[in-house]
């Protein structure tokens, strides 16, 4: 996981049942950011919501970026 604002990284152990929203909450809390104002970027895709990681295109070793929600949050 990378904070797009600062470039800092943190390694997270995630489970297939974790949702995108849970990942955003964990990362935002870690970096002391407002949870509702951020989304994840994976490649060129913006991720948010209750989709479990198992149903997403995210794979072990992928780098996700925590970015400000481009639609506002």
Protein backbone atom coordinates (compact mmCIF):
# COMPACT_ATOMS: atom_id res chain seq x y z
CA UNK A 1 0.00 0.00 0.00
CA UNK A 2 1.31 3.43 -0.90
CA UNK A 3 0.10 6.83 0.29
CA UNK A 4 -0.15 8.86 -2.93
CA UNK A 5 0.15 12.13 -0.96
CA UNK A 6 3.51 11.34 0.66
CA UNK A 7 4.85 8.31 -1.24
CA UNK A 8 5.25 6.34 2.00
CA UNK A 9 4.53 2.64 1.86
CA UNK A 10 3.22 0.05 4.28
CA UNK A 11 2.89 -3.68 3.77
CA UNK A 12 -0.54 -5.05 4.65
CA UNK A 13 -1.62 -8.64 5.14
CA UNK A 14 -5.07 -8.92 3.60
CA UNK A 15 -7.51 -11.79 3.44
CA UNK A 16 -9.75 -12.65 0.45
CA UNK A 17 -12.87 -11.82 2.50
CA UNK A 18 -11.64 -8.28 3.32
CA UNK A 19 -13.58 -5.64 1.41
CA UNK A 20 -12.16 -2.69 -0.48
CA UNK A 21 -13.80 -0.42 2.10
CA UNK A 22 -12.06 -2.26 4.97
CA UNK A 23 -8.69 -1.84 3.24
CA UNK A 24 -9.34 1.89 2.75
CA UNK A 25 -10.36 2.24 6.43
CA UNK A 26 -7.21 0.44 7.61
CA UNK A 27 -4.86 2.46 5.42
CA UNK A 28 -6.55 5.78 6.18
CA UNK A 29 -6.43 5.06 9.90
CA UNK A 30 -2.75 4.08 9.68
CA UNK A 31 -1.87 7.36 7.97
CA UNK A 32 -4.34 9.35 10.11
CA UNK A 33 -6.48 10.44 7.17
CA UNK A 34 -10.23 10.98 6.88
CA UNK A 35 -11.68 7.59 5.88
CA UNK A 36 -14.53 8.87 3.69
CA UNK A 37 -12.30 11.13 1.62
CA UNK A 38 -10.10 8.40 0.07
CA UNK A 39 -10.30 5.54 -2.42
CA UNK A 40 -7.84 2.97 -3.71
CA UNK A 41 -6.14 3.08 -7.07
CA UNK A 42 -5.04 -0.19 -8.63
CA UNK A 43 -3.36 0.44 -11.96
CA UNK A 44 -5.80 2.69 -13.82
CA UNK A 45 -8.84 1.62 -11.78
CA UNK A 46 -10.47 3.38 -8.84
CA UNK A 47 -11.72 0.95 -6.17
CA UNK A 48 -14.24 1.53 -3.40
CA UNK A 49 -17.16 -0.23 -1.74
CA UNK A 50 -18.06 -3.58 -0.28
CA UNK A 51 -16.46 -5.78 -2.96
CA UNK A 52 -14.41 -8.56 -1.34
CA UNK A 53 -10.79 -8.73 -2.47
CA UNK A 54 -11.44 -12.26 -3.75
CA UNK A 55 -13.83 -10.76 -6.35
CA UNK A 56 -11.47 -7.98 -7.43
CA UNK A 57 -8.50 -7.95 -9.78
CA UNK A 58 -6.12 -7.45 -6.82
CA UNK A 59 -3.51 -10.17 -6.43
CA UNK A 60 -0.79 -10.90 -3.87
CA UNK A 61 2.09 -8.49 -4.33
CA UNK A 62 0.07 -5.76 -6.08
CA UNK A 63 0.71 -2.20 -4.96
CA UNK A 64 -2.43 -0.25 -4.13
CA UNK A 65 -2.44 3.52 -3.71
CA UNK A 66 -4.56 5.42 -1.23
CA UNK A 67 -5.65 8.55 -3.11
CA UNK A 68 -8.08 11.40 -2.42
CA UNK A 69 -11.50 10.52 -3.83
CA UNK A 70 -11.62 12.25 -7.24
CA UNK A 71 -15.41 12.55 -6.86
CA UNK A 72 -15.10 14.14 -3.43
CA UNK A 73 -15.59 12.42 -0.12
